[in-house]
Amino acid sequence: MLKYKIDVLESLKEAGYTTTRLRNEKLLGENAIQYIRKGKPIGAKALNELCKLLDMQPGNIIKYVEENTENDVKTD
């Protein structure tokens, strides 16, 4: 599962990009903003735009975290 390493909206705000500005200038779509707000992964196009706006690599923004499932066998 992909998770954010940083507070994306806070980082955007520090870089001068409020959610209003993101919407008005069509930098990120409403769905992408809502997904970020909820901690859900965004698509490649939105991630590309985030990298550009924040001057970061994808690995600075997201990380892969293994999800435990009910089918996982526990070993002691």
PDB file of N, CA and C in Angstrom:
ATOM      1  N   MET A   1       0.850  -1.173   0.000  1.00  0.00           N
ATOM      2  CA  MET A   1       0.000   0.000   0.000  1.00  0.00           C
ATOM      3  C   MET A   1       0.899   1.241   0.000  1.00  0.00           C
ATOM      4  N   LEU A   2       0.517   2.212  -0.769  1.00  0.00           N
ATOM      5  CA  LEU A   2       1.281   3.457  -0.821  1.00  0.00           C
ATOM      6  C   LEU A   2       0.798   4.408   0.269  1.00  0.00           C
ATOM      7  N   LYS A   3       1.749   5.019   0.946  1.00  0.00           N
ATOM      8  CA  LYS A   3       1.446   6.002   1.994  1.00  0.00           C
ATOM      9  C   LYS A   3       2.300   7.238   1.754  1.00  0.00           C
ATOM     10  N   TYR A   4       1.805   8.362   2.238  1.00  0.00           N
ATOM     11  CA  TYR A   4       2.549   9.607   2.108  1.00  0.00           C
ATOM     12  C   TYR A   4       3.598   9.711   3.206  1.00  0.00           C
ATOM     13  N   LYS A   5       4.806  10.102   2.832  1.00  0.00           N
ATOM     14  CA  LYS A   5       5.892  10.298   3.788  1.00  0.00           C
ATOM     15  C   LYS A   5       5.807  11.676   4.427  1.00  0.00           C
ATOM     16  N   ILE A   6       5.160  12.600   3.735  1.00  0.00           N
ATOM     17  CA  ILE A   6       5.079  13.986   4.185  1.00  0.00           C
ATOM     18  C   ILE A   6       3.619  14.416   4.247  1.00  0.00           C
ATOM     19  N   ASP A   7       3.366  15.516   4.905  1.00  0.00           N
ATOM     20  CA  ASP A   7       2.039  16.132   4.871  1.00  0.00           C
ATOM     21  C   ASP A   7       2.004  16.944   3.577  1.00  0.00           C
ATOM     22  N   VAL A   8       1.412  16.362   2.552  1.00  0.00           N
ATOM     23  CA  VAL A   8       1.461  16.941   1.214  1.00  0.00           C
ATOM     24  C   VAL A   8       0.815  18.322   1.165  1.00  0.00           C
ATOM     25  N   LEU A   9      -0.364  18.452   1.725  1.00  0.00           N
ATOM     26  CA  LEU A   9      -1.046  19.747   1.663  1.00  0.00           C
ATOM     27  C   LEU A   9      -0.278  20.822   2.422  1.00  0.00           C
ATOM     28  N   GLU A  10       0.327  20.457   3.540  1.00  0.00           N
ATOM     29  CA  GLU A  10       1.129  21.420   4.296  1.00  0.00           C
ATOM     30  C   GLU A  10       2.375  21.813   3.495  1.00  0.00           C
ATOM     31  N   SER A  11       3.007  20.849   2.845  1.00  0.00           N
ATOM     32  CA  SER A  11       4.187  21.139   2.026  1.00  0.00           C
ATOM     33  C   SER A  11       3.824  22.041   0.853  1.00  0.00           C
ATOM     34  N   LEU A  12       2.664  21.798   0.249  1.00  0.00           N
ATOM     35  CA  LEU A  12       2.206  22.653  -0.846  1.00  0.00           C
ATOM     36  C   LEU A  12       1.949  24.068  -0.339  1.00  0.00           C
ATOM     37  N   LYS A  13       1.326  24.158   0.839  1.00  0.00           N
ATOM     38  CA  LYS A  13       1.035  25.469   1.429  1.00  0.00           C
ATOM     39  C   LYS A  13       2.330  26.240   1.675  1.00  0.00           C
ATOM     40  N   GLU A  14       3.346  25.550   2.213  1.00  0.00           N
ATOM     41  CA  GLU A  14       4.638  26.186   2.462  1.00  0.00           C
ATOM     42  C   GLU A  14       5.303  26.646   1.165  1.00  0.00           C
ATOM     43  N   ALA A  15       4.992  25.949   0.067  1.00  0.00           N
ATOM     44  CA  ALA A  15       5.539  26.319  -1.235  1.00  0.00           C
ATOM     45  C   ALA A  15       4.681  27.383  -1.932  1.00  0.00           C
ATOM     46  N   GLY A  16       3.606  27.815  -1.264  1.00  0.00           N
ATOM     47  CA  GLY A  16       2.768  28.878  -1.821  1.00  0.00           C
ATOM     48  C   GLY A  16       1.553  28.403  -2.590  1.00  0.00           C
ATOM     49  N   TYR A  17       1.214  27.118  -2.459  1.00  0.00           N
ATOM     50  CA  TYR A  17       0.076  26.553  -3.192  1.00  0.00           C
ATOM     51  C   TYR A  17      -1.036  26.162  -2.236  1.00  0.00           C
ATOM     52  N   THR A  18      -2.038  27.024  -2.103  1.00  0.00           N
ATOM     53  CA  THR A  18      -3.219  26.689  -1.310  1.00  0.00           C
ATOM     54  C   THR A  18      -4.125  25.809  -2.155  1.00  0.00           C
ATOM     55  N   THR A  19      -5.071  25.147  -1.513  1.00  0.00           N
ATOM     56  CA  THR A  19      -5.994  24.311  -2.283  1.00  0.00           C
ATOM     57  C   THR A  19      -6.810  25.161  -3.257  1.00  0.00           C
ATOM     58  N   THR A  20      -7.123  26.373  -2.866  1.00  0.00           N
ATOM     59  CA  THR A  20      -7.856  27.274  -3.767  1.00  0.00           C
ATOM     60  C   THR A  20      -7.018  27.569  -5.008  1.00  0.00           C
ATOM     61  N   ARG A  21      -5.755  27.859  -4.811  1.00  0.00           N
ATOM     62  CA  ARG A  21      -4.869  28.139  -5.944  1.00  0.00           C
ATOM     63  C   ARG A  21      -4.719  26.898  -6.829  1.00  0.00           C
ATOM     64  N   LEU A  22      -4.582  25.737  -6.197  1.00  0.00           N
ATOM     65  CA  LEU A  22      -4.453  24.492  -6.969  1.00  0.00           C
ATOM     66  C   LEU A  22      -5.666  24.279  -7.862  1.00  0.00           C
ATOM     67  N   ARG A  23      -6.854  24.558  -7.319  1.00  0.00           N
ATOM     68  CA  ARG A  23      -8.086  24.401  -8.099  1.00  0.00           C
ATOM     69  C   ARG A  23      -8.193  25.469  -9.185  1.00  0.00           C
ATOM     70  N   ASN A  24      -8.013  26.740  -8.798  1.00  0.00           N
ATOM     71  CA  ASN A  24      -8.193  27.848  -9.744  1.00  0.00           C
ATOM     72  C   ASN A  24      -7.227  27.789 -10.917  1.00  0.00           C
ATOM     73  N   GLU A  25      -5.986  27.407 -10.648  1.00  0.00           N
ATOM     74  CA  GLU A  25      -4.984  27.328 -11.710  1.00  0.00           C
ATOM     75  C   GLU A  25      -4.951  25.947 -12.373  1.00  0.00           C
ATOM     76  N   LYS A  26      -5.890  25.088 -11.946  1.00  0.00           N
ATOM     77  CA  LYS A  26      -6.019  23.738 -12.502  1.00  0.00           C
ATOM     78  C   LYS A  26      -4.705  22.956 -12.434  1.00  0.00           C
ATOM     79  N   LEU A  27      -4.005  23.117 -11.314  1.00  0.00           N
ATOM     80  CA  LEU A  27      -2.750  22.401 -11.107  1.00  0.00           C
ATOM     81  C   LEU A  27      -3.012  20.974 -10.646  1.00  0.00           C
ATOM     82  N   LEU A  28      -4.032  20.809  -9.803  1.00  0.00           N
ATOM     83  CA  LEU A  28      -4.474  19.492  -9.356  1.00  0.00           C
ATOM     84  C   LEU A  28      -5.995  19.473  -9.394  1.00  0.00           C
ATOM     85  N   GLY A  29      -6.553  18.342  -9.767  1.00  0.00           N
ATOM     86  CA  GLY A  29      -7.997  18.203  -9.808  1.00  0.00           C
ATOM     87  C   GLY A  29      -8.584  18.043  -8.409  1.00  0.00           C
ATOM     88  N   GLU A  30      -9.863  18.244  -8.307  1.00  0.00           N
ATOM     89  CA  GLU A  30     -10.561  18.120  -7.027  1.00  0.00           C
ATOM     90  C   GLU A  30     -10.395  16.718  -6.450  1.00  0.00           C
ATOM     91  N   ASN A  31     -10.497  15.692  -7.305  1.00  0.00           N
ATOM     92  CA  ASN A  31     -10.343  14.323  -6.815  1.00  0.00           C
ATOM     93  C   ASN A  31      -8.967  14.107  -6.205  1.00  0.00           C
ATOM     94  N   ALA A  32      -7.938  14.595  -6.850  1.00  0.00           N
ATOM     95  CA  ALA A  32      -6.575  14.428  -6.332  1.00  0.00           C
ATOM     96  C   ALA A  32      -6.428  15.124  -4.987  1.00  0.00           C
ATOM     97  N   ILE A  33      -6.974  16.326  -4.867  1.00  0.00           N
ATOM     98  CA  ILE A  33      -6.896  17.064  -3.596  1.00  0.00           C
ATOM     99  C   ILE A  33      -7.605  16.289  -2.488  1.00  0.00           C
ATOM    100  N   GLN A  34      -8.782  15.756  -2.787  1.00  0.00           N
ATOM    101  CA  GLN A  34      -9.530  15.002  -1.783  1.00  0.00           C
ATOM    102  C   GLN A  34      -8.815  13.701  -1.413  1.00  0.00           C
ATOM    103  N   TYR A  35      -8.218  13.023  -2.398  1.00  0.00           N
ATOM    104  CA  TYR A  35      -7.470  11.800  -2.120  1.00  0.00           C
ATOM    105  C   TYR A  35      -6.284  12.108  -1.209  1.00  0.00           C
ATOM    106  N   ILE A  36      -5.569  13.185  -1.488  1.00  0.00           N
ATOM    107  CA  ILE A  36      -4.433  13.573  -0.653  1.00  0.00           C
ATOM    108  C   ILE A  36      -4.918  13.865   0.768  1.00  0.00           C
ATOM    109  N   ARG A  37      -6.007  14.599   0.873  1.00  0.00           N
ATOM    110  CA  ARG A  37      -6.566  14.958   2.178  1.00  0.00           C
ATOM    111  C   ARG A  37      -6.913  13.712   2.996  1.00  0.00           C
ATOM    112  N   LYS A  38      -7.403  12.661   2.311  1.00  0.00           N
ATOM    113  CA  LYS A  38      -7.807  11.422   2.986  1.00  0.00           C
ATOM    114  C   LYS A  38      -6.671  10.412   3.111  1.00  0.00           C
ATOM    115  N   GLY A  39      -5.493  10.757   2.583  1.00  0.00           N
ATOM    116  CA  GLY A  39      -4.352   9.852   2.677  1.00  0.00           C
ATOM    117  C   GLY A  39      -4.379   8.721   1.670  1.00  0.00           C
ATOM    118  N   LYS A  40      -5.226   8.845   0.650  1.00  0.00           N
ATOM    119  CA  LYS A  40      -5.322   7.814  -0.383  1.00  0.00           C
ATOM    120  C   LYS A  40      -4.306   8.093  -1.482  1.00  0.00           C
ATOM    121  N   PRO A  41      -3.861   7.045  -2.172  1.00  0.00           N
ATOM    122  CA  PRO A  41      -2.897   7.263  -3.257  1.00  0.00           C
ATOM    123  C   PRO A  41      -3.542   7.975  -4.451  1.00  0.00           C
ATOM    124  N   ILE A  42      -2.760   8.805  -5.116  1.00  0.00           N
ATOM    125  CA  ILE A  42      -3.228   9.538  -6.286  1.00  0.00           C
ATOM    126  C   ILE A  42      -2.639   8.907  -7.537  1.00  0.00           C
ATOM    127  N   GLY A  43      -3.133   9.314  -8.685  1.00  0.00           N
ATOM    128  CA  GLY A  43      -2.649   8.782  -9.941  1.00  0.00           C
ATOM    129  C   GLY A  43      -1.294   9.346 -10.339  1.00  0.00           C
ATOM    130  N   ALA A  44      -0.735   8.750 -11.369  1.00  0.00           N
ATOM    131  CA  ALA A  44       0.594   9.129 -11.843  1.00  0.00           C
ATOM    132  C   ALA A  44       0.637  10.574 -12.324  1.00  0.00           C
ATOM    133  N   LYS A  45      -0.406  11.028 -12.991  1.00  0.00           N
ATOM    134  CA  LYS A  45      -0.426  12.406 -13.501  1.00  0.00           C
ATOM    135  C   LYS A  45      -0.389  13.413 -12.350  1.00  0.00           C
ATOM    136  N   ALA A  46      -1.187  13.174 -11.309  1.00  0.00           N
ATOM    137  CA  ALA A  46      -1.211  14.070 -10.151  1.00  0.00           C
ATOM    138  C   ALA A  46       0.110  13.986  -9.387  1.00  0.00           C
ATOM    139  N   LEU A  47       0.680  12.782  -9.281  1.00  0.00           N
ATOM    140  CA  LEU A  47       1.969  12.626  -8.606  1.00  0.00           C
ATOM    141  C   LEU A  47       3.061  13.376  -9.361  1.00  0.00           C
ATOM    142  N   ASN A  48       3.015  13.307 -10.674  1.00  0.00           N
ATOM    143  CA  ASN A  48       3.963  14.044 -11.506  1.00  0.00           C
ATOM    144  C   ASN A  48       3.863  15.543 -11.230  1.00  0.00           C
ATOM    145  N   GLU A  49       2.651  16.050 -11.126  1.00  0.00           N
ATOM    146  CA  GLU A  49       2.439  17.475 -10.857  1.00  0.00           C
ATOM    147  C   GLU A  49       2.939  17.842  -9.455  1.00  0.00           C
ATOM    148  N   LEU A  50       2.681  16.966  -8.486  1.00  0.00           N
ATOM    149  CA  LEU A  50       3.184  17.215  -7.126  1.00  0.00           C
ATOM    150  C   LEU A  50       4.706  17.302  -7.117  1.00  0.00           C
ATOM    151  N   CYS A  51       5.348  16.381  -7.823  1.00  0.00           N
ATOM    152  CA  CYS A  51       6.814  16.388  -7.886  1.00  0.00           C
ATOM    153  C   CYS A  51       7.316  17.704  -8.456  1.00  0.00           C
ATOM    154  N   LYS A  52       6.635  18.184  -9.487  1.00  0.00           N
ATOM    155  CA  LYS A  52       7.024  19.447 -10.121  1.00  0.00           C
ATOM    156  C   LYS A  52       6.810  20.621  -9.173  1.00  0.00           C
ATOM    157  N   LEU A  53       5.648  20.684  -8.525  1.00  0.00           N
ATOM    158  CA  LEU A  53       5.326  21.803  -7.643  1.00  0.00           C
ATOM    159  C   LEU A  53       6.221  21.849  -6.415  1.00  0.00           C
ATOM    160  N   LEU A  54       6.556  20.683  -5.880  1.00  0.00           N
ATOM    161  CA  LEU A  54       7.350  20.615  -4.648  1.00  0.00           C
ATOM    162  C   LEU A  54       8.841  20.425  -4.917  1.00  0.00           C
ATOM    163  N   ASP A  55       9.219  20.266  -6.181  1.00  0.00           N
ATOM    164  CA  ASP A  55      10.604  20.022  -6.563  1.00  0.00           C
ATOM    165  C   ASP A  55      11.165  18.831  -5.780  1.00  0.00           C
ATOM    166  N   MET A  56      10.412  17.722  -5.856  1.00  0.00           N
ATOM    167  CA  MET A  56      10.785  16.495  -5.150  1.00  0.00           C
ATOM    168  C   MET A  56      10.674  15.304  -6.090  1.00  0.00           C
ATOM    169  N   GLN A  57      11.322  14.223  -5.707  1.00  0.00           N
ATOM    170  CA  GLN A  57      11.192  12.952  -6.400  1.00  0.00           C
ATOM    171  C   GLN A  57      10.027  12.186  -5.772  1.00  0.00           C
ATOM    172  N   PRO A  58       9.395  11.263  -6.520  1.00  0.00           N
ATOM    173  CA  PRO A  58       8.273  10.501  -5.955  1.00  0.00           C
ATOM    174  C   PRO A  58       8.617   9.822  -4.629  1.00  0.00           C
ATOM    175  N   GLY A  59       9.848   9.327  -4.501  1.00  0.00           N
ATOM    176  CA  GLY A  59      10.271   8.660  -3.275  1.00  0.00           C
ATOM    177  C   GLY A  59      10.345   9.581  -2.072  1.00  0.00           C
ATOM    178  N   ASN A  60      10.372  10.888  -2.308  1.00  0.00           N
ATOM    179  CA  ASN A  60      10.350  11.846  -1.198  1.00  0.00           C
ATOM    180  C   ASN A  60       8.925  12.106  -0.716  1.00  0.00           C
ATOM    181  N   ILE A  61       7.946  11.713  -1.533  1.00  0.00           N
ATOM    182  CA  ILE A  61       6.545  12.004  -1.241  1.00  0.00           C
ATOM    183  C   ILE A  61       5.795  10.762  -0.760  1.00  0.00           C
ATOM    184  N   ILE A  62       6.040   9.623  -1.404  1.00  0.00           N
ATOM    185  CA  ILE A  62       5.318   8.398  -1.073  1.00  0.00           C
ATOM    186  C   ILE A  62       6.283   7.266  -0.743  1.00  0.00           C
ATOM    187  N   LYS A  63       5.749   6.282  -0.045  1.00  0.00           N
ATOM    188  CA  LYS A  63       6.517   5.069   0.252  1.00  0.00           C
ATOM    189  C   LYS A  63       5.565   3.886   0.197  1.00  0.00           C
ATOM    190  N   TYR A  64       6.149   2.717  -0.016  1.00  0.00           N
ATOM    191  CA  TYR A  64       5.370   1.488  -0.011  1.00  0.00           C
ATOM    192  C   TYR A  64       5.428   0.874   1.374  1.00  0.00           C
ATOM    193  N   VAL A  65       4.267   0.548   1.921  1.00  0.00           N
ATOM    194  CA  VAL A  65       4.174  -0.106   3.218  1.00  0.00           C
ATOM    195  C   VAL A  65       3.378  -1.385   3.016  1.00  0.00           C
ATOM    196  N   GLU A  66       3.971  -2.493   3.411  1.00  0.00           N
ATOM    197  CA  GLU A  66       3.285  -3.776   3.261  1.00  0.00           C
ATOM    198  C   GLU A  66       2.063  -3.818   4.158  1.00  0.00           C
ATOM    199  N   GLU A  67       0.973  -4.304   3.592  1.00  0.00           N
ATOM    200  CA  GLU A  67      -0.271  -4.413   4.336  1.00  0.00           C
ATOM    201  C   GLU A  67      -0.401  -5.813   4.886  1.00  0.00           C
ATOM    202  N   ASN A  68      -0.782  -5.927   6.141  1.00  0.00           N
ATOM    203  CA  ASN A  68      -1.078  -7.236   6.710  1.00  0.00           C
ATOM    204  C   ASN A  68      -2.504  -7.593   6.337  1.00  0.00           C
ATOM    205  N   THR A  69      -2.699  -8.809   5.888  1.00  0.00           N
ATOM    206  CA  THR A  69      -4.038  -9.272   5.549  1.00  0.00           C
ATOM    207  C   THR A  69      -4.433 -10.369   6.510  1.00  0.00           C
ATOM    208  N   GLU A  70      -5.717 -10.663   6.573  1.00  0.00           N
ATOM    209  CA  GLU A  70      -6.213 -11.704   7.462  1.00  0.00           C
ATOM    210  C   GLU A  70      -5.666 -13.074   7.067  1.00  0.00           C
ATOM    211  N   ASN A  71      -5.256 -13.220   5.798  1.00  0.00           N
ATOM    212  CA  ASN A  71      -4.764 -14.498   5.314  1.00  0.00           C
ATOM    213  C   ASN A  71      -3.293 -14.728   5.666  1.00  0.00           C
ATOM    214  N   ASP A  72      -2.635 -13.708   6.189  1.00  0.00           N
ATOM    215  CA  ASP A  72      -1.231 -13.867   6.582  1.00  0.00           C
ATOM    216  C   ASP A  72      -1.137 -14.858   7.734  1.00  0.00           C
ATOM    217  N   VAL A  73      -0.167 -15.733   7.643  1.00  0.00           N
ATOM    218  CA  VAL A  73       0.042 -16.728   8.690  1.00  0.00           C
ATOM    219  C   VAL A  73       1.053 -16.148   9.684  1.00  0.00           C
ATOM    220  N   LYS A  74       0.698 -16.156  10.949  1.00  0.00           N
ATOM    221  CA  LYS A  74       1.609 -15.649  11.967  1.00  0.00           C
ATOM    222  C   LYS A  74       2.554 -16.765  12.395  1.00  0.00           C
ATOM    223  N   THR A  75       3.828 -16.407  12.489  1.00  0.00           N
ATOM    224  CA  THR A  75       4.803 -17.378  12.972  1.00  0.00           C
ATOM    225  C   THR A  75       5.404 -16.870  14.264  1.00  0.00           C
ATOM    226  N   ASP A  76       5.608 -17.751  15.191  1.00  0.00           N
ATOM    227  CA  ASP A  76       6.183 -17.358  16.488  1.00  0.00           C
ATOM    228  C   ASP A  76       7.581 -17.869  16.631  1.00  0.00           C
TER     229      ASP A  76
END
